[in-house]
C-alpha atoms as a PDB file:
ATOM      1  CA  MET A   1       0.000   0.000   0.000  1.00  0.00           C
ATOM      2  CA  ASP A   2       1.472   3.343  -1.077  1.00  0.00           C
ATOM      3  CA  THR A   3       0.736   6.370   1.085  1.00  0.00           C
ATOM      4  CA  ASP A   4       1.991   9.935   1.117  1.00  0.00           C
ATOM      5  CA  ASN A   5       4.039   9.176   4.253  1.00  0.00           C
ATOM      6  CA  ASP A   6       6.239   6.641   2.436  1.00  0.00           C
ATOM      7  CA  ASP A   7       8.365   9.474   1.039  1.00  0.00           C
ATOM      8  CA  GLU A   8       8.723  11.236   4.391  1.00  0.00           C
ATOM      9  CA  ILE A   9      12.306  11.543   5.642  1.00  0.00           C
ATOM     10  CA  LYS A  10      12.647  10.633   9.296  1.00  0.00           C
ATOM     11  CA  PRO A  11      15.485  12.495  11.081  1.00  0.00           C
ATOM     12  CA  LEU A  12      17.859  10.758  13.452  1.00  0.00           C
ATOM     13  CA  ARG A  13      18.144  11.872  17.036  1.00  0.00           C
ATOM     14  CA  CYS A  14      21.430  13.699  17.545  1.00  0.00           C
ATOM     15  CA  GLY A  15      24.103  12.464  19.923  1.00  0.00           C
ATOM     16  CA  PRO A  16      27.271  10.386  20.110  1.00  0.00           C
ATOM     17  CA  LEU A  17      27.759   7.271  17.996  1.00  0.00           C
ATOM     18  CA  LYS A  18      29.744   4.233  19.033  1.00  0.00           C
ATOM     19  CA  SER A  19      32.573   3.156  16.750  1.00  0.00           C
ATOM     20  CA  VAL A  20      32.995  -0.518  15.927  1.00  0.00           C
ATOM     21  CA  GLU A  21      34.862  -1.242  19.158  1.00  0.00           C
ATOM     22  CA  GLY A  22      34.222   1.634  21.543  1.00  0.00           C
ATOM     23  CA  TRP A  23      33.429   5.285  22.227  1.00  0.00           C
ATOM     24  CA  VAL A  24      35.887   7.699  20.638  1.00  0.00           C
ATOM     25  CA  VAL A  25      36.679  11.282  21.584  1.00  0.00           C
ATOM     26  CA  PHE A  26      38.563  13.718  19.353  1.00  0.00           C
ATOM     27  CA  VAL A  27      41.181  15.815  21.130  1.00  0.00           C
ATOM     28  CA  THR A  28      42.265  19.056  19.464  1.00  0.00           C
ATOM     29  CA  ASN A  29      45.006  21.642  20.041  1.00  0.00           C
ATOM     30  CA  LEU A  30      47.462  19.143  21.510  1.00  0.00           C
ATOM     31  CA  HIS A  31      51.018  20.336  22.013  1.00  0.00           C
ATOM     32  CA  GLU A  32      53.221  19.139  19.144  1.00  0.00           C
ATOM     33  CA  GLU A  33      55.603  17.400  21.548  1.00  0.00           C
ATOM     34  CA  ALA A  34      52.865  15.306  23.189  1.00  0.00           C
ATOM     35  CA  GLN A  35      53.321  11.579  22.717  1.00  0.00           C
ATOM     36  CA  GLU A  36      50.756   8.754  22.752  1.00  0.00           C
ATOM     37  CA  ASN A  37      51.855   7.576  26.206  1.00  0.00           C
ATOM     38  CA  ASP A  38      51.447  11.151  27.587  1.00  0.00           C
ATOM     39  CA  VAL A  39      47.896  11.333  26.231  1.00  0.00           C
ATOM     40  CA  THR A  40      47.101   7.831  27.507  1.00  0.00           C
ATOM     41  CA  ASP A  41      48.276   8.770  31.011  1.00  0.00           C
ATOM     42  CA  ALA A  42      46.292  12.021  31.107  1.00  0.00           C
ATOM     43  CA  PHE A  43      43.105  10.534  29.662  1.00  0.00           C
ATOM     44  CA  SER A  44      43.202   7.436  31.886  1.00  0.00           C
ATOM     45  CA  GLU A  45      42.014   9.561  34.806  1.00  0.00           C
ATOM     46  CA  CYS A  46      38.422   9.123  33.609  1.00  0.00           C
ATOM     47  CA  GLY A  47      38.478   5.492  32.603  1.00  0.00           C
ATOM     48  CA  THR A  48      40.354   2.755  30.824  1.00  0.00           C
ATOM     49  CA  VAL A  49      41.812   4.009  27.547  1.00  0.00           C
ATOM     50  CA  LYS A  50      41.600   1.261  24.933  1.00  0.00           C
ATOM     51  CA  LEU A  51      43.507   3.070  22.185  1.00  0.00           C
ATOM     52  CA  VAL A  52      45.170   6.386  21.373  1.00  0.00           C
ATOM     53  CA  LYS A  53      45.834   7.318  17.748  1.00  0.00           C
ATOM     54  CA  MET A  54      47.938  10.339  16.871  1.00  0.00           C
ATOM     55  CA  ASN A  55      49.449  11.546  13.603  1.00  0.00           C
ATOM     56  CA  PHE A  56      53.030  12.756  13.497  1.00  0.00           C
ATOM     57  CA  ASP A  57      54.917  14.766  10.899  1.00  0.00           C
ATOM     58  CA  GLY A  58      57.256  12.427   9.021  1.00  0.00           C
ATOM     59  CA  LYS A  59      60.059  14.995   8.745  1.00  0.00           C
ATOM     60  CA  THR A  60      60.040  16.494  12.229  1.00  0.00           C
ATOM     61  CA  GLY A  61      58.460  13.693  14.262  1.00  0.00           C
ATOM     62  CA  LEU A  62      56.231  16.256  15.982  1.00  0.00           C
ATOM     63  CA  GLY A  63      52.543  15.689  16.574  1.00  0.00           C
ATOM     64  CA  LYS A  64      50.012  17.306  14.270  1.00  0.00           C
ATOM     65  CA  GLY A  65      47.939  18.615  17.184  1.00  0.00           C
ATOM     66  CA  TYR A  66      45.117  16.109  17.486  1.00  0.00           C
ATOM     67  CA  ALA A  67      44.372  12.598  18.740  1.00  0.00           C
ATOM     68  CA  LEU A  68      41.619  10.022  18.845  1.00  0.00           C
ATOM     69  CA  VAL A  69      41.111   8.409  22.248  1.00  0.00           C
ATOM     70  CA  GLU A  70      38.904   5.328  22.567  1.00  0.00           C
ATOM     71  CA  TYR A  71      37.054   4.066  25.634  1.00  0.00           C
ATOM     72  CA  GLU A  72      34.984   0.922  26.084  1.00  0.00           C
ATOM     73  CA  LYS A  73      32.212   2.695  28.007  1.00  0.00           C
ATOM     74  CA  GLN A  74      30.244   5.727  26.859  1.00  0.00           C
ATOM     75  CA  SER A  75      30.179   7.047  30.436  1.00  0.00           C
ATOM     76  CA  GLU A  76      33.997   7.119  30.566  1.00  0.00           C
ATOM     77  CA  ALA A  77      34.199   9.039  27.290  1.00  0.00           C
ATOM     78  CA  GLN A  78      31.550  11.500  28.477  1.00  0.00           C
ATOM     79  CA  ASP A  79      33.425  11.973  31.760  1.00  0.00           C
ATOM     80  CA  VAL A  80      36.647  12.842  29.955  1.00  0.00           C
ATOM     81  CA  ILE A  81      34.809  15.357  27.749  1.00  0.00           C
ATOM     82  CA  ASN A  82      33.254  16.965  30.829  1.00  0.00           C
ATOM     83  CA  LYS A  83      36.507  16.997  32.786  1.00  0.00           C
ATOM     84  CA  LEU A  84      39.176  17.887  30.213  1.00  0.00           C
ATOM     85  CA  HIS A  85      37.489  19.995  27.514  1.00  0.00           C
ATOM     86  CA  GLY A  86      38.812  23.550  27.752  1.00  0.00           C
ATOM     87  CA  THR A  87      41.577  22.682  30.205  1.00  0.00           C
ATOM     88  CA  ASP A  88      45.300  23.308  29.981  1.00  0.00           C
ATOM     89  CA  TYR A  89      47.382  20.355  28.814  1.00  0.00           C
ATOM     90  CA  LEU A  90      51.117  20.853  28.279  1.00  0.00           C
ATOM     91  CA  GLY A  91      50.614  24.607  28.041  1.00  0.00           C
ATOM     92  CA  LYS A  92      47.758  24.589  25.515  1.00  0.00           C
ATOM     93  CA  THR A  93      43.979  24.703  25.961  1.00  0.00           C
ATOM     94  CA  ILE A  94      42.631  21.461  24.521  1.00  0.00           C
ATOM     95  CA  GLY A  95      39.253  20.658  23.062  1.00  0.00           C
ATOM     96  CA  VAL A  96      37.669  17.266  23.740  1.00  0.00           C
ATOM     97  CA  HIS A  97      34.598  16.301  21.695  1.00  0.00           C
ATOM     98  CA  TRP A  98      32.801  13.211  20.449  1.00  0.00           C
ATOM     99  CA  ALA A  99      34.555  11.909  17.325  1.00  0.00           C
ATOM    100  CA  PHE A 100      31.388  10.420  15.852  1.00  0.00           C
ATOM    101  CA  VAL A 101      27.952  11.986  16.252  1.00  0.00           C
ATOM    102  CA  LYS A 102      24.511  11.650  14.757  1.00  0.00           C
ATOM    103  CA  PRO A 103      23.651  14.916  13.018  1.00  0.00           C
ATOM    104  CA  SER A 104      20.724  16.923  14.310  1.00  0.00           C
ATOM    105  CA  SER A 105      17.570  17.025  12.195  1.00  0.00           C
ATOM    106  CA  GLY A 106      18.437  20.511  10.910  1.00  0.00           C
ATOM    107  CA  GLU A 107      21.767  19.433   9.400  1.00  0.00           C
ATOM    108  CA  ARG A 108      22.207  18.390   5.799  1.00  0.00           C
ATOM    109  CA  GLY A 109      22.125  14.625   5.324  1.00  0.00           C
ATOM    110  CA  ALA A 110      20.483  13.997   8.676  1.00  0.00           C
ATOM    111  CA  THR A 111      18.320  11.120   7.590  1.00  0.00           C
ATOM    112  CA  ASN A 112      17.958   7.531   8.543  1.00  0.00           C
ATOM    113  CA  ARG A 113      18.698   5.920   5.193  1.00  0.00           C
ATOM    114  CA  ASP A 114      17.043   2.622   6.133  1.00  0.00           C
ATOM    115  CA  ASP A 115      13.759   4.439   6.727  1.00  0.00           C
ATOM    116  CA  ASN A 116      13.976   6.080   3.301  1.00  0.00           C
ATOM    117  CA  VAL A 117      14.117   2.844   1.320  1.00  0.00           C
ATOM    118  CA  ARG A 118      10.823   2.037  -0.373  1.00  0.00           C
ATOM    119  CA  ARG A 119       9.517  -1.350   0.531  1.00  0.00           C
END
């Protein structure tokens, strides 16, 4: 049965998304001399860090200023965002945000693609 509502786009609720293996936060404005073990130590205050990924310049060996930090529990990732966002870390004010989020209904592409498939 075909109704007018079949073509309606249903927006997703906004909020954090889990990666394949955990909850990931994106850390910005890291000092270029920060190393993965430094970040792991600092971010372990809020929970068990599963993984830290940083990019380094191939010529200088210095960090590019950002990292991905993964936690197993959403509550641990949220705690680190609440505790460390906007704080001083190695002389720089860092930003800590969710790495993966559902867009709000007002953002472009904010649709649930499964709901938009005609059956």
